[in-house]
Each structure stands twice: as structure tokens, then as C-alpha cells.
C-alpha atoms as a PDB file:
ATOM      1  CA  MET A   1       5.473   9.324 -76.410  1.00  0.00           C
ATOM      2  CA  LYS A   2       5.483   6.129 -74.316  1.00  0.00           C
ATOM      3  CA  ILE A   3       2.185   4.256 -74.127  1.00  0.00           C
ATOM      4  CA  GLN A   4       1.770   1.317 -71.778  1.00  0.00           C
ATOM      5  CA  VAL A   5      -1.038  -1.188 -71.526  1.00  0.00           C
ATOM      6  CA  VAL A   6      -0.829  -2.756 -68.086  1.00  0.00           C
ATOM      7  CA  GLY A   7      -2.819  -5.795 -67.062  1.00  0.00           C
ATOM      8  CA  SER A   8      -2.862  -9.316 -65.769  1.00  0.00           C
ATOM      9  CA  GLY A   9      -2.511 -10.884 -69.210  1.00  0.00           C
ATOM     10  CA  CYS A  10      -6.208 -11.664 -69.627  1.00  0.00           C
ATOM     11  CA  HIS A  11      -8.060 -11.586 -72.941  1.00  0.00           C
ATOM     12  CA  THR A  12      -9.414  -8.081 -72.237  1.00  0.00           C
ATOM     13  CA  CYS A  13      -5.931  -6.724 -71.577  1.00  0.00           C
ATOM     14  CA  GLN A  14      -4.673  -8.313 -74.785  1.00  0.00           C
ATOM     15  CA  LYS A  15      -7.564  -6.758 -76.748  1.00  0.00           C
ATOM     16  CA  LEU A  16      -6.693  -3.295 -75.446  1.00  0.00           C
ATOM     17  CA  HIS A  17      -3.037  -3.837 -76.346  1.00  0.00           C
ATOM     18  CA  GLN A  18      -3.965  -4.815 -79.911  1.00  0.00           C
ATOM     19  CA  MET A  19      -6.288  -1.808 -80.202  1.00  0.00           C
ATOM     20  CA  VAL A  20      -3.590   0.569 -78.963  1.00  0.00           C
ATOM     21  CA  LYS A  21      -1.045  -0.854 -81.430  1.00  0.00           C
ATOM     22  CA  GLY A  22      -3.591  -0.387 -84.230  1.00  0.00           C
ATOM     23  CA  ILE A  23      -4.284   3.224 -83.252  1.00  0.00           C
ATOM     24  CA  VAL A  24      -0.553   4.014 -83.189  1.00  0.00           C
ATOM     25  CA  ALA A  25      -0.107   2.344 -86.606  1.00  0.00           C
ATOM     26  CA  GLU A  26      -3.040   4.307 -88.085  1.00  0.00           C
ATOM     27  CA  LYS A  27      -1.557   7.537 -86.767  1.00  0.00           C
ATOM     28  CA  ASN A  28       1.728   6.470 -88.361  1.00  0.00           C
ATOM     29  CA  SER A  29       3.619   7.662 -85.316  1.00  0.00           C
ATOM     30  CA  ASN A  30       6.778   6.497 -83.639  1.00  0.00           C
ATOM     31  CA  ASP A  31       5.110   6.240 -80.240  1.00  0.00           C
ATOM     32  CA  GLU A  32       6.448   3.389 -78.139  1.00  0.00           C
ATOM     33  CA  VAL A  33       3.840   0.823 -77.087  1.00  0.00           C
ATOM     34  CA  GLU A  34       4.670  -1.482 -74.200  1.00  0.00           C
ATOM     35  CA  TYR A  35       2.547  -4.282 -72.747  1.00  0.00           C
ATOM     36  CA  LEU A  36       3.151  -5.215 -69.125  1.00  0.00           C
ATOM     37  CA  SER A  37       1.328  -8.335 -67.984  1.00  0.00           C
ATOM     38  CA  GLY A  38       1.488 -11.159 -65.484  1.00  0.00           C
ATOM     39  CA  PRO A  39       3.214 -10.484 -62.155  1.00  0.00           C
ATOM     40  CA  GLU A  40       5.006  -7.430 -63.588  1.00  0.00           C
ATOM     41  CA  GLY A  41       1.720  -5.952 -64.807  1.00  0.00           C
ATOM     42  CA  ILE A  42      -0.099  -6.647 -61.557  1.00  0.00           C
ATOM     43  CA  GLN A  43       2.717  -5.068 -59.554  1.00  0.00           C
ATOM     44  CA  LYS A  44       2.588  -1.948 -61.769  1.00  0.00           C
ATOM     45  CA  ILE A  45      -1.218  -1.715 -61.391  1.00  0.00           C
ATOM     46  CA  VAL A  46      -0.898  -1.830 -57.605  1.00  0.00           C
ATOM     47  CA  SER A  47       1.947   0.701 -57.569  1.00  0.00           C
ATOM     48  CA  MET A  48      -0.145   3.136 -59.641  1.00  0.00           C
ATOM     49  CA  GLY A  49      -3.103   2.818 -57.287  1.00  0.00           C
ATOM     50  CA  ALA A  50      -5.530   1.401 -59.850  1.00  0.00           C
ATOM     51  CA  MET A  51      -8.209  -0.949 -58.578  1.00  0.00           C
ATOM     52  CA  SER A  52      -8.954  -2.782 -61.822  1.00  0.00           C
ATOM     53  CA  SER A  53      -7.312  -3.614 -65.121  1.00  0.00           C
ATOM     54  CA  PRO A  54      -6.294  -3.088 -67.776  1.00  0.00           C
ATOM     55  CA  ILE A  55      -4.920   0.395 -67.357  1.00  0.00           C
ATOM     56  CA  LEU A  56      -3.691   2.657 -70.126  1.00  0.00           C
ATOM     57  CA  VAL A  57      -0.687   4.777 -69.211  1.00  0.00           C
ATOM     58  CA  VAL A  58       0.672   7.596 -71.365  1.00  0.00           C
ATOM     59  CA  ASP A  59       4.035   9.078 -70.434  1.00  0.00           C
ATOM     60  CA  GLY A  60       3.672   7.796 -66.877  1.00  0.00           C
ATOM     61  CA  LYS A  61       0.122   9.090 -66.350  1.00  0.00           C
ATOM     62  CA  VAL A  62      -2.899   6.776 -66.022  1.00  0.00           C
ATOM     63  CA  VAL A  63      -5.388   7.948 -68.670  1.00  0.00           C
ATOM     64  CA  MET A  64      -7.858   5.035 -68.592  1.00  0.00           C
ATOM     65  CA  VAL A  65      -8.801   2.233 -66.211  1.00  0.00           C
ATOM     66  CA  GLY A  66     -10.741  -0.718 -67.588  1.00  0.00           C
ATOM     67  CA  PHE A  67     -11.464  -1.693 -71.170  1.00  0.00           C
ATOM     68  CA  ASN A  68     -13.710   0.171 -73.568  1.00  0.00           C
ATOM     69  CA  ALA A  69     -14.268  -1.225 -77.047  1.00  0.00           C
ATOM     70  CA  ASN A  70     -14.911   2.260 -78.456  1.00  0.00           C
ATOM     71  CA  LYS A  71     -11.771   2.890 -80.499  1.00  0.00           C
ATOM     72  CA  ASP A  72     -12.418   6.630 -80.801  1.00  0.00           C
ATOM     73  CA  MET A  73     -12.652   6.952 -77.035  1.00  0.00           C
ATOM     74  CA  VAL A  74      -9.398   5.051 -76.537  1.00  0.00           C
ATOM     75  CA  LYS A  75      -7.732   7.270 -79.146  1.00  0.00           C
ATOM     76  CA  GLU A  76      -9.007  10.373 -77.315  1.00  0.00           C
ATOM     77  CA  LYS A  77      -7.611   9.040 -74.032  1.00  0.00           C
ATOM     78  CA  MET A  78      -4.247   8.413 -75.693  1.00  0.00           C
ATOM     79  CA  TYR A  79      -3.844  11.663 -77.598  1.00  0.00           C
ATOM     80  CA  GLY A  80      -6.512  14.055 -76.319  1.00  0.00           C
ATOM     81  CA  HIS A  81      -4.636  15.019 -73.184  1.00  0.00           C
ATOM     82  CA  ILE A  82      -1.747  16.542 -75.149  1.00  0.00           C
END
């Protein structure tokens, strides 16, 4: 599975990226985690039609917009749609 955290590069985006990496490590999976930030991240956000950041994308599908510090909720967004 390919998981992307897409954002501007702000502290909130970085926090979500770290959380996602931690969740993948806890699950002990081989899921790919990619962090797109700066101009590349902003361009991706616009192309996906999101109006805020960060966004969490799983296998090309936006599963979360904005940051939520609830790790269980982020985990559900990442893996609950499968």
C-alpha cells in the first residue's frame, strides 16, 4: 500500500508524517510512506481538490484532510477503508 502525507511543509504536516511512519512501524508492514511538501505538496493538494492541508492519501485516494492528533483515528483512516 502507498501512503502519502501531502502538505506545505509546516509543523502540522511534519507531525502527521511522523505519526503515519510510527503507525506503519507499529503494524510492522511494508507499506510505502511518502511525504510531499513545499511546492510539490501544494501542487498535489490543489490537483486533488483539497482546500486545506495536510492531506492523507492512501493508494491515490484522499482519506483525511487536516490534522488530527488522535492516533487511533489516523490509523482507522489509513487501514479502515480496506
